[in-house]
Amino acid sequence: MANVAHEPVKKAMNRIRELSADEEARRLAFVRERALRDEVSFINDAERRGRREGRIEGESRLLRKMIEIKFGAIPEWAEAVLRSADSEQIDRWAESILTAESLETLLGKQ
């Protein structure tokens, strides 16, 4: 490394050398770094889950509105079916609502 003339930088570099020579200090630094990465990973996962859940909620709300416009009030059995649906199923129902003759046909109730 280049010769550093600035005294505070020299002190900092010496301190870094001392700490890097200490096995326990290196271990603690590694553990801290791993914990920070894990925390960022957990936050990113939570954000992805939140976006996915929000998207499904919005799709479901729009499908409910479409059902009410076409078929009237949504009965409890249909609410239960809608609550258990995933995004792909909601998409299929949204595509089929235009041609469905009844709510039972749309949601597959026999």
N, C-alpha and C. Protein backbone atom coordinates (compact mmCIF):
# COMPACT_ATOMS: atom_id res chain seq x y z
N MET A 1 0.84 -1.17 0.00
CA MET A 1 0.00 0.00 0.00
C MET A 1 0.88 1.24 0.00
N ALA A 2 0.40 2.31 -0.58
CA ALA A 2 1.19 3.53 -0.69
C ALA A 2 1.48 4.12 0.69
N ASN A 3 2.57 4.89 0.77
CA ASN A 3 2.89 5.59 2.00
C ASN A 3 1.87 6.70 2.24
N VAL A 4 1.25 6.66 3.40
CA VAL A 4 0.24 7.66 3.73
C VAL A 4 0.85 8.63 4.73
N ALA A 5 0.69 9.92 4.44
CA ALA A 5 1.29 10.94 5.30
C ALA A 5 0.28 11.49 6.31
N HIS A 6 -0.99 11.40 6.01
CA HIS A 6 -2.03 11.98 6.87
C HIS A 6 -2.17 11.14 8.14
N GLU A 7 -1.93 11.77 9.29
CA GLU A 7 -1.85 11.04 10.57
C GLU A 7 -3.13 10.28 10.92
N PRO A 8 -4.33 10.87 10.80
CA PRO A 8 -5.54 10.10 11.14
C PRO A 8 -5.71 8.84 10.27
N VAL A 9 -5.32 8.92 9.01
CA VAL A 9 -5.40 7.76 8.13
C VAL A 9 -4.40 6.70 8.57
N LYS A 10 -3.20 7.12 8.95
CA LYS A 10 -2.20 6.18 9.45
C LYS A 10 -2.72 5.44 10.68
N LYS A 11 -3.32 6.20 11.61
CA LYS A 11 -3.87 5.58 12.83
C LYS A 11 -4.96 4.57 12.49
N ALA A 12 -5.83 4.96 11.57
CA ALA A 12 -6.91 4.06 11.18
C ALA A 12 -6.36 2.79 10.54
N MET A 13 -5.38 2.94 9.68
CA MET A 13 -4.78 1.77 9.03
C MET A 13 -4.09 0.86 10.04
N ASN A 14 -3.41 1.46 11.01
CA ASN A 14 -2.78 0.66 12.05
C ASN A 14 -3.83 -0.10 12.86
N ARG A 15 -4.92 0.57 13.16
CA ARG A 15 -6.00 -0.07 13.94
C ARG A 15 -6.60 -1.23 13.14
N ILE A 16 -6.77 -1.05 11.85
CA ILE A 16 -7.28 -2.12 11.00
C ILE A 16 -6.33 -3.30 11.01
N ARG A 17 -5.04 -3.04 10.93
CA ARG A 17 -4.05 -4.12 10.97
C ARG A 17 -4.13 -4.87 12.30
N GLU A 18 -4.26 -4.12 13.40
CA GLU A 18 -4.36 -4.76 14.72
C GLU A 18 -5.60 -5.64 14.79
N LEU A 19 -6.73 -5.10 14.36
CA LEU A 19 -7.97 -5.86 14.45
C LEU A 19 -7.95 -7.08 13.53
N SER A 20 -7.39 -6.92 12.33
CA SER A 20 -7.38 -8.05 11.40
C SER A 20 -6.45 -9.16 11.89
N ALA A 21 -5.52 -8.83 12.76
CA ALA A 21 -4.63 -9.85 13.33
C ALA A 21 -5.33 -10.62 14.45
N ASP A 22 -6.41 -10.08 14.98
CA ASP A 22 -7.13 -10.70 16.10
C ASP A 22 -8.19 -11.67 15.55
N GLU A 23 -8.00 -12.94 15.82
CA GLU A 23 -8.91 -13.99 15.32
C GLU A 23 -10.35 -13.74 15.75
N GLU A 24 -10.55 -13.39 17.01
CA GLU A 24 -11.91 -13.16 17.52
C GLU A 24 -12.56 -11.95 16.84
N ALA A 25 -11.79 -10.90 16.60
CA ALA A 25 -12.33 -9.72 15.93
C ALA A 25 -12.75 -10.07 14.50
N ARG A 26 -11.95 -10.89 13.81
CA ARG A 26 -12.32 -11.32 12.45
C ARG A 26 -13.58 -12.17 12.47
N ARG A 27 -13.67 -13.06 13.45
CA ARG A 27 -14.86 -13.91 13.56
C ARG A 27 -16.11 -13.06 13.79
N LEU A 28 -16.01 -12.09 14.71
CA LEU A 28 -17.16 -11.23 14.99
C LEU A 28 -17.54 -10.39 13.78
N ALA A 29 -16.56 -9.91 13.05
CA ALA A 29 -16.84 -9.14 11.84
C ALA A 29 -17.56 -10.01 10.81
N PHE A 30 -17.12 -11.25 10.68
CA PHE A 30 -17.76 -12.18 9.75
C PHE A 30 -19.21 -12.44 10.17
N VAL A 31 -19.42 -12.67 11.46
CA VAL A 31 -20.77 -12.94 11.97
C VAL A 31 -21.68 -11.72 11.75
N ARG A 32 -21.16 -10.53 12.01
CA ARG A 32 -21.94 -9.30 11.78
C ARG A 32 -22.31 -9.15 10.31
N GLU A 33 -21.35 -9.37 9.45
CA GLU A 33 -21.59 -9.24 8.01
C GLU A 33 -22.65 -10.24 7.55
N ARG A 34 -22.55 -11.46 8.01
CA ARG A 34 -23.54 -12.49 7.64
C ARG A 34 -24.92 -12.11 8.16
N ALA A 35 -24.99 -11.60 9.38
CA ALA A 35 -26.28 -11.19 9.95
C ALA A 35 -26.90 -10.05 9.14
N LEU A 36 -26.08 -9.12 8.71
CA LEU A 36 -26.59 -8.01 7.88
C LEU A 36 -27.12 -8.53 6.54
N ARG A 37 -26.40 -9.44 5.92
CA ARG A 37 -26.87 -10.02 4.65
C ARG A 37 -28.16 -10.78 4.85
N ASP A 38 -28.25 -11.55 5.95
CA ASP A 38 -29.48 -12.30 6.24
C ASP A 38 -30.66 -11.35 6.44
N GLU A 39 -30.41 -10.27 7.16
CA GLU A 39 -31.48 -9.30 7.41
C GLU A 39 -31.98 -8.70 6.10
N VAL A 40 -31.07 -8.33 5.22
CA VAL A 40 -31.47 -7.78 3.92
C VAL A 40 -32.25 -8.82 3.13
N SER A 41 -31.81 -10.06 3.18
CA SER A 41 -32.50 -11.13 2.47
C SER A 41 -33.92 -11.32 3.02
N PHE A 42 -34.07 -11.32 4.34
CA PHE A 42 -35.39 -11.46 4.95
C PHE A 42 -36.31 -10.31 4.55
N ILE A 43 -35.77 -9.10 4.54
CA ILE A 43 -36.56 -7.92 4.16
C ILE A 43 -37.00 -8.03 2.71
N ASN A 44 -36.08 -8.42 1.83
CA ASN A 44 -36.43 -8.58 0.42
C ASN A 44 -37.51 -9.64 0.22
N ASP A 45 -37.38 -10.76 0.93
CA ASP A 45 -38.40 -11.81 0.84
C ASP A 45 -39.76 -11.31 1.32
N ALA A 46 -39.76 -10.57 2.42
CA ALA A 46 -41.02 -10.04 2.95
C ALA A 46 -41.65 -9.05 1.97
N GLU A 47 -40.84 -8.24 1.33
CA GLU A 47 -41.36 -7.29 0.34
C GLU A 47 -41.96 -8.03 -0.85
N ARG A 48 -41.28 -9.07 -1.31
CA ARG A 48 -41.82 -9.86 -2.44
C ARG A 48 -43.15 -10.50 -2.06
N ARG A 49 -43.21 -11.09 -0.86
CA ARG A 49 -44.48 -11.70 -0.41
C ARG A 49 -45.58 -10.65 -0.32
N GLY A 50 -45.25 -9.49 0.20
CA GLY A 50 -46.23 -8.42 0.33
C GLY A 50 -46.76 -7.96 -1.01
N ARG A 51 -45.86 -7.80 -1.98
CA ARG A 51 -46.30 -7.41 -3.33
C ARG A 51 -47.18 -8.48 -3.94
N ARG A 52 -46.80 -9.74 -3.79
CA ARG A 52 -47.59 -10.85 -4.35
C ARG A 52 -48.98 -10.89 -3.71
N GLU A 53 -49.03 -10.77 -2.39
CA GLU A 53 -50.31 -10.79 -1.70
C GLU A 53 -51.17 -9.60 -2.10
N GLY A 54 -50.55 -8.44 -2.26
CA GLY A 54 -51.28 -7.25 -2.68
C GLY A 54 -51.82 -7.38 -4.09
N ARG A 55 -51.04 -7.99 -4.96
CA ARG A 55 -51.48 -8.20 -6.35
C ARG A 55 -52.67 -9.15 -6.38
N ILE A 56 -52.60 -10.24 -5.62
CA ILE A 56 -53.70 -11.20 -5.57
C ILE A 56 -54.95 -10.53 -4.99
N GLU A 57 -54.77 -9.73 -3.96
CA GLU A 57 -55.91 -9.03 -3.36
C GLU A 57 -56.57 -8.09 -4.37
N GLY A 58 -55.76 -7.36 -5.13
CA GLY A 58 -56.30 -6.46 -6.14
C GLY A 58 -57.02 -7.20 -7.25
N GLU A 59 -56.43 -8.30 -7.72
CA GLU A 59 -57.06 -9.11 -8.76
C GLU A 59 -58.38 -9.67 -8.27
N SER A 60 -58.38 -10.14 -7.04
CA SER A 60 -59.59 -10.71 -6.45
C SER A 60 -60.68 -9.66 -6.31
N ARG A 61 -60.30 -8.46 -5.89
CA ARG A 61 -61.27 -7.37 -5.73
C ARG A 61 -61.91 -7.03 -7.08
N LEU A 62 -61.09 -6.97 -8.12
CA LEU A 62 -61.61 -6.66 -9.45
C LEU A 62 -62.53 -7.77 -9.95
N LEU A 63 -62.15 -9.03 -9.74
CA LEU A 63 -63.00 -10.15 -10.15
C LEU A 63 -64.34 -10.10 -9.41
N ARG A 64 -64.31 -9.82 -8.12
CA ARG A 64 -65.56 -9.72 -7.35
C ARG A 64 -66.47 -8.64 -7.94
N LYS A 65 -65.88 -7.53 -8.28
CA LYS A 65 -66.66 -6.44 -8.87
C LYS A 65 -67.30 -6.89 -10.19
N MET A 66 -66.52 -7.59 -11.01
CA MET A 66 -67.03 -8.09 -12.28
C MET A 66 -68.17 -9.08 -12.06
N ILE A 67 -68.00 -9.97 -11.07
CA ILE A 67 -69.04 -10.95 -10.74
C ILE A 67 -70.32 -10.25 -10.30
N GLU A 68 -70.17 -9.26 -9.42
CA GLU A 68 -71.36 -8.54 -8.94
C GLU A 68 -72.08 -7.81 -10.07
N ILE A 69 -71.34 -7.24 -10.98
CA ILE A 69 -71.96 -6.55 -12.12
C ILE A 69 -72.73 -7.55 -12.99
N LYS A 70 -72.14 -8.70 -13.23
CA LYS A 70 -72.76 -9.66 -14.15
C LYS A 70 -73.82 -10.53 -13.48
N PHE A 71 -73.55 -10.99 -12.25
CA PHE A 71 -74.44 -11.97 -11.62
C PHE A 71 -75.15 -11.47 -10.37
N GLY A 72 -74.82 -10.30 -9.88
CA GLY A 72 -75.45 -9.79 -8.66
C GLY A 72 -74.61 -10.12 -7.44
N ALA A 73 -75.25 -10.07 -6.29
CA ALA A 73 -74.56 -10.30 -5.01
C ALA A 73 -73.88 -11.67 -4.99
N ILE A 74 -72.72 -11.70 -4.37
CA ILE A 74 -71.93 -12.94 -4.32
C ILE A 74 -72.36 -13.76 -3.11
N PRO A 75 -72.84 -14.99 -3.33
CA PRO A 75 -73.25 -15.83 -2.20
C PRO A 75 -72.03 -16.31 -1.39
N GLU A 76 -72.30 -16.76 -0.19
CA GLU A 76 -71.22 -17.18 0.72
C GLU A 76 -70.38 -18.31 0.13
N TRP A 77 -71.00 -19.28 -0.52
CA TRP A 77 -70.22 -20.39 -1.09
C TRP A 77 -69.20 -19.86 -2.10
N ALA A 78 -69.62 -18.85 -2.89
CA ALA A 78 -68.72 -18.28 -3.89
C ALA A 78 -67.61 -17.48 -3.22
N GLU A 79 -67.92 -16.77 -2.15
CA GLU A 79 -66.89 -16.04 -1.39
C GLU A 79 -65.83 -17.00 -0.88
N ALA A 80 -66.27 -18.15 -0.37
CA ALA A 80 -65.31 -19.13 0.13
C ALA A 80 -64.40 -19.64 -0.98
N VAL A 81 -64.97 -19.87 -2.16
CA VAL A 81 -64.18 -20.33 -3.30
C VAL A 81 -63.19 -19.25 -3.72
N LEU A 82 -63.65 -18.00 -3.78
CA LEU A 82 -62.78 -16.90 -4.19
C LEU A 82 -61.64 -16.67 -3.20
N ARG A 83 -61.94 -16.80 -1.91
CA ARG A 83 -60.89 -16.59 -0.88
C ARG A 83 -59.77 -17.61 -1.00
N SER A 84 -60.09 -18.81 -1.47
CA SER A 84 -59.07 -19.86 -1.52
C SER A 84 -58.30 -19.88 -2.85
N ALA A 85 -58.64 -19.00 -3.77
CA ALA A 85 -58.04 -19.03 -5.11
C ALA A 85 -56.66 -18.38 -5.13
N ASP A 86 -55.81 -18.90 -6.00
CA ASP A 86 -54.51 -18.28 -6.23
C ASP A 86 -54.61 -17.36 -7.45
N SER A 87 -53.54 -16.69 -7.76
CA SER A 87 -53.52 -15.70 -8.83
C SER A 87 -53.85 -16.31 -10.19
N GLU A 88 -53.34 -17.49 -10.47
CA GLU A 88 -53.61 -18.14 -11.76
C GLU A 88 -55.09 -18.47 -11.92
N GLN A 89 -55.71 -18.96 -10.84
CA GLN A 89 -57.13 -19.29 -10.91
C GLN A 89 -57.97 -18.03 -11.10
N ILE A 90 -57.61 -16.98 -10.41
CA ILE A 90 -58.33 -15.71 -10.56
C ILE A 90 -58.23 -15.22 -12.00
N ASP A 91 -57.04 -15.34 -12.60
CA ASP A 91 -56.87 -14.95 -14.01
C ASP A 91 -57.78 -15.77 -14.92
N ARG A 92 -57.86 -17.09 -14.68
CA ARG A 92 -58.72 -17.94 -15.53
C ARG A 92 -60.18 -17.52 -15.40
N TRP A 93 -60.61 -17.24 -14.17
CA TRP A 93 -62.00 -16.81 -13.97
C TRP A 93 -62.26 -15.46 -14.64
N ALA A 94 -61.29 -14.55 -14.54
CA ALA A 94 -61.45 -13.23 -15.15
C ALA A 94 -61.60 -13.35 -16.67
N GLU A 95 -60.88 -14.28 -17.27
CA GLU A 95 -60.99 -14.50 -18.71
C GLU A 95 -62.33 -15.16 -19.07
N SER A 96 -62.83 -16.01 -18.18
CA SER A 96 -64.05 -16.78 -18.48
C SER A 96 -65.33 -16.03 -18.14
N ILE A 97 -65.26 -14.98 -17.35
CA ILE A 97 -66.48 -14.32 -16.90
C ILE A 97 -67.29 -13.75 -18.07
N LEU A 98 -66.62 -13.38 -19.13
CA LEU A 98 -67.33 -12.79 -20.27
C LEU A 98 -68.26 -13.78 -20.95
N THR A 99 -67.91 -15.05 -20.91
CA THR A 99 -68.72 -16.07 -21.59
C THR A 99 -69.51 -16.96 -20.64
N ALA A 100 -69.26 -16.86 -19.35
CA ALA A 100 -69.95 -17.71 -18.37
C ALA A 100 -71.43 -17.35 -18.31
N GLU A 101 -72.26 -18.37 -18.26
CA GLU A 101 -73.71 -18.14 -18.21
C GLU A 101 -74.23 -18.02 -16.80
N SER A 102 -73.45 -18.53 -15.82
CA SER A 102 -73.86 -18.42 -14.42
C SER A 102 -72.63 -18.40 -13.52
N LEU A 103 -72.85 -17.99 -12.29
CA LEU A 103 -71.76 -17.98 -11.32
C LEU A 103 -71.29 -19.40 -11.04
N GLU A 104 -72.23 -20.32 -10.99
CA GLU A 104 -71.89 -21.72 -10.75
C GLU A 104 -71.00 -22.26 -11.88
N THR A 105 -71.33 -21.90 -13.11
CA THR A 105 -70.51 -22.32 -14.25
C THR A 105 -69.12 -21.71 -14.15
N LEU A 106 -69.06 -20.42 -13.84
CA LEU A 106 -67.79 -19.73 -13.76
C LEU A 106 -66.86 -20.35 -12.72
N LEU A 107 -67.39 -20.56 -11.52
CA LEU A 107 -66.56 -21.02 -10.40
C LEU A 107 -66.50 -22.54 -10.28
N GLY A 108 -67.22 -23.24 -11.16
CA GLY A 108 -67.13 -24.69 -11.17
C GLY A 108 -67.95 -25.39 -10.11
N LYS A 109 -69.03 -24.75 -9.63
CA LYS A 109 -69.88 -25.43 -8.63
C LYS A 109 -70.83 -26.36 -9.36
N GLN A 110 -70.87 -27.59 -8.92
CA GLN A 110 -71.74 -28.59 -9.55
C GLN A 110 -73.12 -28.54 -8.95
